[in-house]
Amino acid sequence: AASGLGLAFAETMLEAGARTLMTDMDAQALDAQVQRLKSRYPLAEG
């Protein structure tokens, strides 16, 4: 979920109201995306 289609899926789930756990092997990229999304969607996790 740190990029590409996985990130799009996570954004969609969060916008629809779901608590969403995002995972990826790239810890740095994942953390950056989770923090970006948390500013709009507090239910984002990584």
All heavy atoms as atom14 arrays in JSON, in Angstrom:
{
  "sequence": "AASGLGLAFAETMLEAGARTLMTDMDAQALDAQVQRLKSRYPLAEG",
  "atom14_mask": [
    [1, 1, 1, 1, 1, 0, 0, 0, 0, 0, 0, 0, 0, 0],
    [1, 1, 1, 1, 1, 0, 0, 0, 0, 0, 0, 0, 0, 0],
    [1, 1, 1, 1, 1, 1, 0, 0, 0, 0, 0, 0, 0, 0],
    [1, 1, 1, 1, 0, 0, 0, 0, 0, 0, 0, 0, 0, 0],
    [1, 1, 1, 1, 1, 1, 1, 1, 0, 0, 0, 0, 0, 0],
    [1, 1, 1, 1, 0, 0, 0, 0, 0, 0, 0, 0, 0, 0],
    [1, 1, 1, 1, 1, 1, 1, 1, 0, 0, 0, 0, 0, 0],
    [1, 1, 1, 1, 1, 0, 0, 0, 0, 0, 0, 0, 0, 0],
    [1, 1, 1, 1, 1, 1, 1, 1, 1, 1, 1, 0, 0, 0],
    [1, 1, 1, 1, 1, 0, 0, 0, 0, 0, 0, 0, 0, 0],
    [1, 1, 1, 1, 1, 1, 1, 1, 1, 0, 0, 0, 0, 0],
    [1, 1, 1, 1, 1, 1, 1, 0, 0, 0, 0, 0, 0, 0],
    [1, 1, 1, 1, 1, 1, 1, 1, 0, 0, 0, 0, 0, 0],
    [1, 1, 1, 1, 1, 1, 1, 1, 0, 0, 0, 0, 0, 0],
    [1, 1, 1, 1, 1, 1, 1, 1, 1, 0, 0, 0, 0, 0],
    [1, 1, 1, 1, 1, 0, 0, 0, 0, 0, 0, 0, 0, 0],
    [1, 1, 1, 1, 0, 0, 0, 0, 0, 0, 0, 0, 0, 0],
    [1, 1, 1, 1, 1, 0, 0, 0, 0, 0, 0, 0, 0, 0],
    [1, 1, 1, 1, 1, 1, 1, 1, 1, 1, 1, 0, 0, 0],
    [1, 1, 1, 1, 1, 1, 1, 0, 0, 0, 0, 0, 0, 0],
    [1, 1, 1, 1, 1, 1, 1, 1, 0, 0, 0, 0, 0, 0],
    [1, 1, 1, 1, 1, 1, 1, 1, 0, 0, 0, 0, 0, 0],
    [1, 1, 1, 1, 1, 1, 1, 0, 0, 0, 0, 0, 0, 0],
    [1, 1, 1, 1, 1, 1, 1, 1, 0, 0, 0, 0, 0, 0],
    [1, 1, 1, 1, 1, 1, 1, 1, 0, 0, 0, 0, 0, 0],
    [1, 1, 1, 1, 1, 1, 1, 1, 0, 0, 0, 0, 0, 0],
    [1, 1, 1, 1, 1, 0, 0, 0, 0, 0, 0, 0, 0, 0],
    [1, 1, 1, 1, 1, 1, 1, 1, 1, 0, 0, 0, 0, 0],
    [1, 1, 1, 1, 1, 0, 0, 0, 0, 0, 0, 0, 0, 0],
    [1, 1, 1, 1, 1, 1, 1, 1, 0, 0, 0, 0, 0, 0],
    [1, 1, 1, 1, 1, 1, 1, 1, 0, 0, 0, 0, 0, 0],
    [1, 1, 1, 1, 1, 0, 0, 0, 0, 0, 0, 0, 0, 0],
    [1, 1, 1, 1, 1, 1, 1, 1, 1, 0, 0, 0, 0, 0],
    [1, 1, 1, 1, 1, 1, 1, 0, 0, 0, 0, 0, 0, 0],
    [1, 1, 1, 1, 1, 1, 1, 1, 1, 0, 0, 0, 0, 0],
    [1, 1, 1, 1, 1, 1, 1, 1, 1, 1, 1, 0, 0, 0],
    [1, 1, 1, 1, 1, 1, 1, 1, 0, 0, 0, 0, 0, 0],
    [1, 1, 1, 1, 1, 1, 1, 1, 1, 0, 0, 0, 0, 0],
    [1, 1, 1, 1, 1, 1, 0, 0, 0, 0, 0, 0, 0, 0],
    [1, 1, 1, 1, 1, 1, 1, 1, 1, 1, 1, 0, 0, 0],
    [1, 1, 1, 1, 1, 1, 1, 1, 1, 1, 1, 1, 0, 0],
    [1, 1, 1, 1, 1, 1, 1, 0, 0, 0, 0, 0, 0, 0],
    [1, 1, 1, 1, 1, 1, 1, 1, 0, 0, 0, 0, 0, 0],
    [1, 1, 1, 1, 1, 0, 0, 0, 0, 0, 0, 0, 0, 0],
    [1, 1, 1, 1, 1, 1, 1, 1, 1, 0, 0, 0, 0, 0],
    [1, 1, 1, 1, 0, 0, 0, 0, 0, 0, 0, 0, 0, 0]
  ],
  "atom14_positions": [
    [[0.79, -1.23, 0.0], [0.0, 0.0, 0.0], [0.82, 1.28, 0.0], [0.26, 2.36, 0.14], [-0.94, 0.0, 1.21], [0.0, 0.0, 0.0], [0.0, 0.0, 0.0], [0.0, 0.0, 0.0], [0.0, 0.0, 0.0], [0.0, 0.0, 0.0], [0.0, 0.0, 0.0], [0.0, 0.0, 0.0], [0.0, 0.0, 0.0], [0.0, 0.0, 0.0]],
    [[2.14, 1.18, -0.15], [2.96, 2.4, -0.1], [2.94, 3.17, -1.41], [3.36, 4.33, -1.45], [4.4, 2.04, 0.25], [0.0, 0.0, 0.0], [0.0, 0.0, 0.0], [0.0, 0.0, 0.0], [0.0, 0.0, 0.0], [0.0, 0.0, 0.0], [0.0, 0.0, 0.0], [0.0, 0.0, 0.0], [0.0, 0.0, 0.0], [0.0, 0.0, 0.0]],
    [[2.44, 2.57, -2.47], [2.42, 3.25, -3.77], [1.45, 2.54, -4.7], [0.88, 1.5, -4.36], [3.83, 3.24, -4.4], [4.23, 1.91, -4.7], [0.0, 0.0, 0.0], [0.0, 0.0, 0.0], [0.0, 0.0, 0.0], [0.0, 0.0, 0.0], [0.0, 0.0, 0.0], [0.0, 0.0, 0.0], [0.0, 0.0, 0.0], [0.0, 0.0, 0.0]],
    [[1.25, 3.12, -5.86], [0.51, 2.47, -6.94], [-0.92, 2.11, -6.6], [-1.64, 2.83, -5.91], [0.0, 0.0, 0.0], [0.0, 0.0, 0.0], [0.0, 0.0, 0.0], [0.0, 0.0, 0.0], [0.0, 0.0, 0.0], [0.0, 0.0, 0.0], [0.0, 0.0, 0.0], [0.0, 0.0, 0.0], [0.0, 0.0, 0.0], [0.0, 0.0, 0.0]],
    [[-1.34, 0.94, -7.08], [-2.73, 0.5, -6.9], [-3.05, 0.28, -5.43], [-4.16, 0.59, -4.98], [-2.99, -0.77, -7.71], [-2.77, -0.68, -9.21], [-3.16, -1.98, -9.89], [-3.55, 0.48, -9.82], [0.0, 0.0, 0.0], [0.0, 0.0, 0.0], [0.0, 0.0, 0.0], [0.0, 0.0, 0.0], [0.0, 0.0, 0.0], [0.0, 0.0, 0.0]],
    [[-2.12, -0.26, -4.66], [-2.36, -0.49, -3.25], [-2.66, 0.8, -2.51], [-3.55, 0.85, -1.65], [0.0, 0.0, 0.0], [0.0, 0.0, 0.0], [0.0, 0.0, 0.0], [0.0, 0.0, 0.0], [0.0, 0.0, 0.0], [0.0, 0.0, 0.0], [0.0, 0.0, 0.0], [0.0, 0.0, 0.0], [0.0, 0.0, 0.0], [0.0, 0.0, 0.0]],
    [[-1.92, 1.84, -2.83], [-2.17, 3.14, -2.21], [-3.55, 3.66, -2.63], [-4.29, 4.22, -1.81], [-1.08, 4.13, -2.62], [-1.2, 5.55, -2.08], [-1.26, 5.57, -0.56], [-0.03, 6.4, -2.58], [0.0, 0.0, 0.0], [0.0, 0.0, 0.0], [0.0, 0.0, 0.0], [0.0, 0.0, 0.0], [0.0, 0.0, 0.0], [0.0, 0.0, 0.0]],
    [[-3.92, 3.46, -3.88], [-5.25, 3.88, -4.34], [-6.34, 3.11, -3.6], [-7.37, 3.69, -3.23], [-5.37, 3.66, -5.85], [0.0, 0.0, 0.0], [0.0, 0.0, 0.0], [0.0, 0.0, 0.0], [0.0, 0.0, 0.0], [0.0, 0.0, 0.0], [0.0, 0.0, 0.0], [0.0, 0.0, 0.0], [0.0, 0.0, 0.0], [0.0, 0.0, 0.0]],
    [[-6.14, 1.82, -3.39], [-7.12, 1.03, -2.63], [-7.27, 1.58, -1.22], [-8.38, 1.73, -0.71], [-6.71, -0.44, -2.58], [-6.65, -1.13, -3.91], [-5.81, -2.22, -4.11], [-7.42, -0.71, -4.98], [-5.74, -2.86, -5.32], [-7.37, -1.36, -6.21], [-6.53, -2.44, -6.38], [0.0, 0.0, 0.0], [0.0, 0.0, 0.0], [0.0, 0.0, 0.0]],
    [[-6.13, 1.85, -0.57], [-6.17, 2.35, 0.8], [-6.88, 3.7, 0.87], [-7.71, 3.94, 1.77], [-4.74, 2.46, 1.34], [0.0, 0.0, 0.0], [0.0, 0.0, 0.0], [0.0, 0.0, 0.0], [0.0, 0.0, 0.0], [0.0, 0.0, 0.0], [0.0, 0.0, 0.0], [0.0, 0.0, 0.0], [0.0, 0.0, 0.0], [0.0, 0.0, 0.0]],
    [[-6.56, 4.59, -0.04], [-7.22, 5.9, -0.06], [-8.73, 5.76, -0.23], [-9.52, 6.46, 0.42], [-6.65, 6.75, -1.2], [-5.22, 7.22, -0.97], [-4.64, 7.92, -2.17], [-5.14, 7.73, -3.29], [-3.66, 8.68, -1.98], [0.0, 0.0, 0.0], [0.0, 0.0, 0.0], [0.0, 0.0, 0.0], [0.0, 0.0, 0.0], [0.0, 0.0, 0.0]],
    [[-9.13, 4.82, -1.09], [-10.55, 4.6, -1.33], [-11.25, 4.09, -0.08], [-12.34, 4.54, 0.28], [-10.74, 3.59, -2.48], [-10.06, 4.07, -3.64], [-12.21, 3.39, -2.81], [0.0, 0.0, 0.0], [0.0, 0.0, 0.0], [0.0, 0.0, 0.0], [0.0, 0.0, 0.0], [0.0, 0.0, 0.0], [0.0, 0.0, 0.0], [0.0, 0.0, 0.0]],
    [[-10.62, 3.12, 0.6], [-11.22, 2.56, 1.81], [-11.37, 3.63, 2.89], [-12.39, 3.72, 3.57], [-10.36, 1.41, 2.33], [-10.21, 0.22, 1.37], [-11.77, -0.54, 0.89], [-12.0, 0.13, -0.76], [0.0, 0.0, 0.0], [0.0, 0.0, 0.0], [0.0, 0.0, 0.0], [0.0, 0.0, 0.0], [0.0, 0.0, 0.0], [0.0, 0.0, 0.0]],
    [[-10.34, 4.45, 3.05], [-10.38, 5.5, 4.07], [-11.45, 6.53, 3.74], [-12.21, 6.97, 4.63], [-9.01, 6.17, 4.16], [-7.91, 5.33, 4.81], [-6.53, 5.89, 4.48], [-8.11, 5.24, 6.33], [0.0, 0.0, 0.0], [0.0, 0.0, 0.0], [0.0, 0.0, 0.0], [0.0, 0.0, 0.0], [0.0, 0.0, 0.0], [0.0, 0.0, 0.0]],
    [[-11.55, 6.91, 2.5], [-12.55, 7.91, 2.11], [-13.97, 7.38, 2.32], [-14.89, 8.15, 2.61], [-12.35, 8.33, 0.65], [-13.22, 9.49, 0.24], [-12.85, 10.05, -1.12], [-11.78, 9.69, -1.65], [-13.64, 10.87, -1.65], [0.0, 0.0, 0.0], [0.0, 0.0, 0.0], [0.0, 0.0, 0.0], [0.0, 0.0, 0.0], [0.0, 0.0, 0.0]],
    [[-14.14, 6.06, 2.18], [-15.45, 5.45, 2.39], [-15.74, 5.17, 3.86], [-16.81, 4.66, 4.19], [-15.55, 4.15, 1.58], [0.0, 0.0, 0.0], [0.0, 0.0, 0.0], [0.0, 0.0, 0.0], [0.0, 0.0, 0.0], [0.0, 0.0, 0.0], [0.0, 0.0, 0.0], [0.0, 0.0, 0.0], [0.0, 0.0, 0.0], [0.0, 0.0, 0.0]],
    [[-14.79, 5.49, 4.76], [-15.05, 5.41, 6.19], [-14.44, 4.25, 6.92], [-14.68, 4.07, 8.12], [0.0, 0.0, 0.0], [0.0, 0.0, 0.0], [0.0, 0.0, 0.0], [0.0, 0.0, 0.0], [0.0, 0.0, 0.0], [0.0, 0.0, 0.0], [0.0, 0.0, 0.0], [0.0, 0.0, 0.0], [0.0, 0.0, 0.0], [0.0, 0.0, 0.0]],
    [[-13.63, 3.42, 6.25], [-13.08, 2.22, 6.88], [-11.78, 2.5, 7.62], [-10.95, 3.3, 7.16], [-12.82, 1.14, 5.83], [0.0, 0.0, 0.0], [0.0, 0.0, 0.0], [0.0, 0.0, 0.0], [0.0, 0.0, 0.0], [0.0, 0.0, 0.0], [0.0, 0.0, 0.0], [0.0, 0.0, 0.0], [0.0, 0.0, 0.0], [0.0, 0.0, 0.0]],
    [[-11.6, 1.85, 8.75], [-10.29, 1.82, 9.4], [-9.39, 0.95, 8.51], [-9.73, -0.2, 8.22], [-10.39, 1.21, 10.79], [-9.05, 1.16, 11.53], [-9.21, 0.56, 12.91], [-10.07, 1.36, 13.75], [-9.67, 2.44, 14.42], [-8.41, 2.84, 14.34], [-10.52, 3.12, 15.15], [0.0, 0.0, 0.0], [0.0, 0.0, 0.0], [0.0, 0.0, 0.0]],
    [[-8.28, 1.49, 8.08], [-7.48, 0.82, 7.05], [-6.03, 0.65, 7.5], [-5.34, 1.63, 7.8], [-7.52, 1.62, 5.74], [-8.89, 1.8, 5.34], [-6.76, 0.9, 4.64], [0.0, 0.0, 0.0], [0.0, 0.0, 0.0], [0.0, 0.0, 0.0], [0.0, 0.0, 0.0], [0.0, 0.0, 0.0], [0.0, 0.0, 0.0], [0.0, 0.0, 0.0]],
    [[-5.59, -0.61, 7.55], [-4.2, -0.94, 7.86], [-3.45, -1.12, 6.55], [-3.75, -2.02, 5.77], [-4.11, -2.2, 8.71], [-2.7, -2.71, 9.02], [-1.87, -1.65, 9.74], [-2.76, -4.0, 9.84], [0.0, 0.0, 0.0], [0.0, 0.0, 0.0], [0.0, 0.0, 0.0], [0.0, 0.0, 0.0], [0.0, 0.0, 0.0], [0.0, 0.0, 0.0]],
    [[-2.48, -0.26, 6.32], [-1.66, -0.3, 5.11], [-0.35, -0.99, 5.42], [0.31, -0.68, 6.41], [-1.38, 1.13, 4.63], [-2.63, 1.94, 4.37], [-2.31, 3.74, 4.26], [-1.17, 3.81, 2.87], [0.0, 0.0, 0.0], [0.0, 0.0, 0.0], [0.0, 0.0, 0.0], [0.0, 0.0, 0.0], [0.0, 0.0, 0.0], [0.0, 0.0, 0.0]],
    [[0.06, -1.94, 4.58], [1.34, -2.62, 4.77], [2.19, -2.55, 3.52], [1.67, -2.42, 2.4], [1.16, -4.11, 5.16], [0.78, -4.87, 3.99], [0.1, -4.27, 6.25], [0.0, 0.0, 0.0], [0.0, 0.0, 0.0], [0.0, 0.0, 0.0], [0.0, 0.0, 0.0], [0.0, 0.0, 0.0], [0.0, 0.0, 0.0], [0.0, 0.0, 0.0]],
    [[3.49, -2.66, 3.71], [4.42, -2.66, 2.59], [5.8, -3.08, 3.12], [6.06, -2.95, 4.32], [4.51, -1.29, 1.94], [4.96, -1.33, 0.49], [6.18, -1.46, 0.26], [4.1, -1.25, -0.4], [0.0, 0.0, 0.0], [0.0, 0.0, 0.0], [0.0, 0.0, 0.0], [0.0, 0.0, 0.0], [0.0, 0.0, 0.0], [0.0, 0.0, 0.0]],
    [[6.67, -3.54, 2.23], [8.05, -3.84, 2.62], [8.89, -2.58, 2.74], [9.88, -2.55, 3.46], [8.69, -4.79, 1.6], [8.22, -6.22, 1.69], [9.16, -7.29, 0.56], [10.79, -7.21, 1.31], [0.0, 0.0, 0.0], [0.0, 0.0, 0.0], [0.0, 0.0, 0.0], [0.0, 0.0, 0.0], [0.0, 0.0, 0.0], [0.0, 0.0, 0.0]],
    [[8.52, -1.53, 2.02], [9.27, -0.28, 2.02], [8.79, 0.57, 3.2], [7.82, 1.34, 3.07], [9.07, 0.45, 0.7], [9.95, 1.67, 0.54], [10.4, 2.24, 1.57], [10.18, 2.09, -0.62], [0.0, 0.0, 0.0], [0.0, 0.0, 0.0], [0.0, 0.0, 0.0], [0.0, 0.0, 0.0], [0.0, 0.0, 0.0], [0.0, 0.0, 0.0]],
    [[9.45, 0.44, 4.34], [9.0, 1.09, 5.56], [8.98, 2.61, 5.42], [8.06, 3.28, 5.9], [9.89, 0.67, 6.72], [0.0, 0.0, 0.0], [0.0, 0.0, 0.0], [0.0, 0.0, 0.0], [0.0, 0.0, 0.0], [0.0, 0.0, 0.0], [0.0, 0.0, 0.0], [0.0, 0.0, 0.0], [0.0, 0.0, 0.0], [0.0, 0.0, 0.0]],
    [[10.0, 3.18, 4.77], [10.09, 4.63, 4.66], [8.96, 5.2, 3.8], [8.31, 6.18, 4.17], [11.45, 5.02, 4.09], [11.68, 6.53, 4.03], [13.09, 6.88, 3.58], [13.92, 6.01, 3.31], [13.38, 8.16, 3.49], [0.0, 0.0, 0.0], [0.0, 0.0, 0.0], [0.0, 0.0, 0.0], [0.0, 0.0, 0.0], [0.0, 0.0, 0.0]],
    [[8.74, 4.59, 2.64], [7.67, 5.06, 1.76], [6.31, 4.86, 2.41], [5.42, 5.72, 2.3], [7.73, 4.32, 0.42], [0.0, 0.0, 0.0], [0.0, 0.0, 0.0], [0.0, 0.0, 0.0], [0.0, 0.0, 0.0], [0.0, 0.0, 0.0], [0.0, 0.0, 0.0], [0.0, 0.0, 0.0], [0.0, 0.0, 0.0], [0.0, 0.0, 0.0]],
    [[6.14, 3.74, 3.09], [4.87, 3.47, 3.76], [4.59, 4.51, 4.84], [3.48, 5.05, 4.91], [4.9, 2.07, 4.37], [3.65, 1.68, 5.16], [2.45, 1.57, 4.24], [3.87, 0.36, 5.9], [0.0, 0.0, 0.0], [0.0, 0.0, 0.0], [0.0, 0.0, 0.0], [0.0, 0.0, 0.0], [0.0, 0.0, 0.0], [0.0, 0.0, 0.0]],
    [[5.58, 4.79, 5.68], [5.38, 5.75, 6.75], [5.01, 7.12, 6.2], [4.13, 7.81, 6.75], [6.65, 5.86, 7.6], [6.47, 6.8, 8.78], [5.64, 6.48, 9.66], [7.15, 7.83, 8.82], [0.0, 0.0, 0.0], [0.0, 0.0, 0.0], [0.0, 0.0, 0.0], [0.0, 0.0, 0.0], [0.0, 0.0, 0.0], [0.0, 0.0, 0.0]],
    [[5.64, 7.51, 5.1], [5.34, 8.81, 4.5], [3.88, 8.87, 4.04], [3.19, 9.89, 4.24], [6.28, 9.08, 3.33], [0.0, 0.0, 0.0], [0.0, 0.0, 0.0], [0.0, 0.0, 0.0], [0.0, 0.0, 0.0], [0.0, 0.0, 0.0], [0.0, 0.0, 0.0], [0.0, 0.0, 0.0], [0.0, 0.0, 0.0], [0.0, 0.0, 0.0]],
    [[3.4, 7.8, 3.43], [2.03, 7.79, 2.94], [1.02, 7.72, 4.08], [-0.03, 8.38, 4.04], [1.81, 6.63, 1.96], [2.58, 6.74, 0.67], [2.17, 7.94, -0.16], [1.15, 8.58, 0.07], [2.98, 8.26, -1.17], [0.0, 0.0, 0.0], [0.0, 0.0, 0.0], [0.0, 0.0, 0.0], [0.0, 0.0, 0.0], [0.0, 0.0, 0.0]],
    [[1.32, 6.93, 5.1], [0.41, 6.83, 6.24], [0.28, 8.18, 6.93], [-0.83, 8.63, 7.27], [0.88, 5.75, 7.23], [0.06, 5.8, 8.52], [0.78, 4.36, 6.6], [0.0, 0.0, 0.0], [0.0, 0.0, 0.0], [0.0, 0.0, 0.0], [0.0, 0.0, 0.0], [0.0, 0.0, 0.0], [0.0, 0.0, 0.0], [0.0, 0.0, 0.0]],
    [[1.41, 8.85, 7.14], [1.36, 10.16, 7.79], [0.61, 11.17, 6.94], [-0.14, 12.02, 7.46], [2.79, 10.65, 8.1], [3.53, 9.8, 9.09], [2.73, 9.54, 10.36], [2.15, 10.47, 10.94], [2.69, 8.29, 10.8], [0.0, 0.0, 0.0], [0.0, 0.0, 0.0], [0.0, 0.0, 0.0], [0.0, 0.0, 0.0], [0.0, 0.0, 0.0]],
    [[0.8, 11.12, 5.62], [0.08, 12.03, 4.72], [-1.43, 11.8, 4.83], [-2.21, 12.76, 4.95], [0.54, 11.82, 3.28], [-0.21, 12.66, 2.26], [0.24, 12.36, 0.84], [-0.11, 11.03, 0.4], [-1.31, 10.71, -0.11], [-2.26, 11.63, -0.24], [-1.56, 9.48, -0.51], [0.0, 0.0, 0.0], [0.0, 0.0, 0.0], [0.0, 0.0, 0.0]],
    [[-1.83, 10.53, 4.83], [-3.26, 10.22, 4.86], [-3.88, 10.49, 6.23], [-5.05, 10.88, 6.32], [-3.48, 8.76, 4.45], [-3.23, 8.47, 2.97], [-3.24, 6.98, 2.69], [-4.28, 9.18, 2.1], [0.0, 0.0, 0.0], [0.0, 0.0, 0.0], [0.0, 0.0, 0.0], [0.0, 0.0, 0.0], [0.0, 0.0, 0.0], [0.0, 0.0, 0.0]],
    [[-3.11, 10.28, 7.28], [-3.63, 10.51, 8.63], [-4.08, 11.96, 8.83], [-4.97, 12.24, 9.65], [-2.56, 10.16, 9.67], [-2.66, 8.75, 10.22], [-1.68, 8.56, 11.35], [-1.83, 7.19, 11.99], [-3.14, 7.04, 12.67], [0.0, 0.0, 0.0], [0.0, 0.0, 0.0], [0.0, 0.0, 0.0], [0.0, 0.0, 0.0], [0.0, 0.0, 0.0]],
    [[-3.47, 12.87, 8.11], [-3.87, 14.28, 8.27], [-5.31, 14.5, 7.83], [-5.97, 15.44, 8.27], [-2.93, 15.18, 7.46], [-3.05, 14.92, 6.07], [0.0, 0.0, 0.0], [0.0, 0.0, 0.0], [0.0, 0.0, 0.0], [0.0, 0.0, 0.0], [0.0, 0.0, 0.0], [0.0, 0.0, 0.0], [0.0, 0.0, 0.0], [0.0, 0.0, 0.0]],
    [[-5.8, 13.62, 6.94], [-7.19, 13.71, 6.48], [-8.06, 12.6, 7.05], [-9.26, 12.79, 7.28], [-7.24, 13.64, 4.95], [-6.62, 14.82, 4.23], [-6.72, 14.62, 2.72], [-8.09, 14.49, 2.27], [-8.43, 14.02, 1.07], [-7.49, 13.64, 0.21], [-9.7, 13.93, 0.72], [0.0, 0.0, 0.0], [0.0, 0.0, 0.0], [0.0, 0.0, 0.0]],
    [[-7.45, 11.43, 7.24], [-8.21, 10.26, 7.67], [-7.54, 9.65, 8.9], [-6.59, 8.86, 8.79], [-8.25, 9.22, 6.55], [-8.74, 9.74, 5.22], [-7.86, 9.88, 4.14], [-10.07, 10.12, 5.04], [-8.3, 10.35, 2.93], [-10.52, 10.59, 3.82], [-9.63, 10.71, 2.77], [-10.07, 11.19, 1.56], [0.0, 0.0, 0.0], [0.0, 0.0, 0.0]],
    [[-8.01, 9.97, 10.1], [-7.36, 9.48, 11.33], [-7.36, 7.96, 11.46], [-6.61, 7.42, 12.27], [-8.22, 10.12, 12.44], [-8.88, 11.3, 11.79], [-9.1, 10.92, 10.37], [0.0, 0.0, 0.0], [0.0, 0.0, 0.0], [0.0, 0.0, 0.0], [0.0, 0.0, 0.0], [0.0, 0.0, 0.0], [0.0, 0.0, 0.0], [0.0, 0.0, 0.0]],
    [[-8.18, 7.26, 10.67], [-8.27, 5.81, 10.77], [-7.2, 5.09, 9.95], [-7.22, 3.87, 9.84], [-9.66, 5.33, 10.34], [-10.82, 5.81, 11.23], [-12.15, 5.3, 10.69], [-10.63, 5.36, 12.67], [0.0, 0.0, 0.0], [0.0, 0.0, 0.0], [0.0, 0.0, 0.0], [0.0, 0.0, 0.0], [0.0, 0.0, 0.0], [0.0, 0.0, 0.0]],
    [[-6.26, 5.83, 9.36], [-5.16, 5.2, 8.62], [-4.12, 4.65, 9.59], [-3.73, 5.32, 10.55], [-4.51, 6.21, 7.68], [0.0, 0.0, 0.0], [0.0, 0.0, 0.0], [0.0, 0.0, 0.0], [0.0, 0.0, 0.0], [0.0, 0.0, 0.0], [0.0, 0.0, 0.0], [0.0, 0.0, 0.0], [0.0, 0.0, 0.0], [0.0, 0.0, 0.0]],
    [[-3.66, 3.43, 9.33], [-2.62, 2.79, 10.13], [-1.59, 2.19, 9.18], [-1.88, 1.95, 8.01], [-3.21, 1.68, 11.01], [-4.31, 2.13, 11.95], [-4.95, 0.97, 12.69], [-4.75, -0.19, 12.26], [-5.65, 1.21, 13.68], [0.0, 0.0, 0.0], [0.0, 0.0, 0.0], [0.0, 0.0, 0.0], [0.0, 0.0, 0.0], [0.0, 0.0, 0.0]],
    [[-0.4, 1.89, 9.67], [0.64, 1.31, 8.83], [1.46, 0.27, 9.57], [1.63, 0.36, 10.79], [0.0, 0.0, 0.0], [0.0, 0.0, 0.0], [0.0, 0.0, 0.0], [0.0, 0.0, 0.0], [0.0, 0.0, 0.0], [0.0, 0.0, 0.0], [0.0, 0.0, 0.0], [0.0, 0.0, 0.0], [0.0, 0.0, 0.0], [0.0, 0.0, 0.0]]
  ]
}
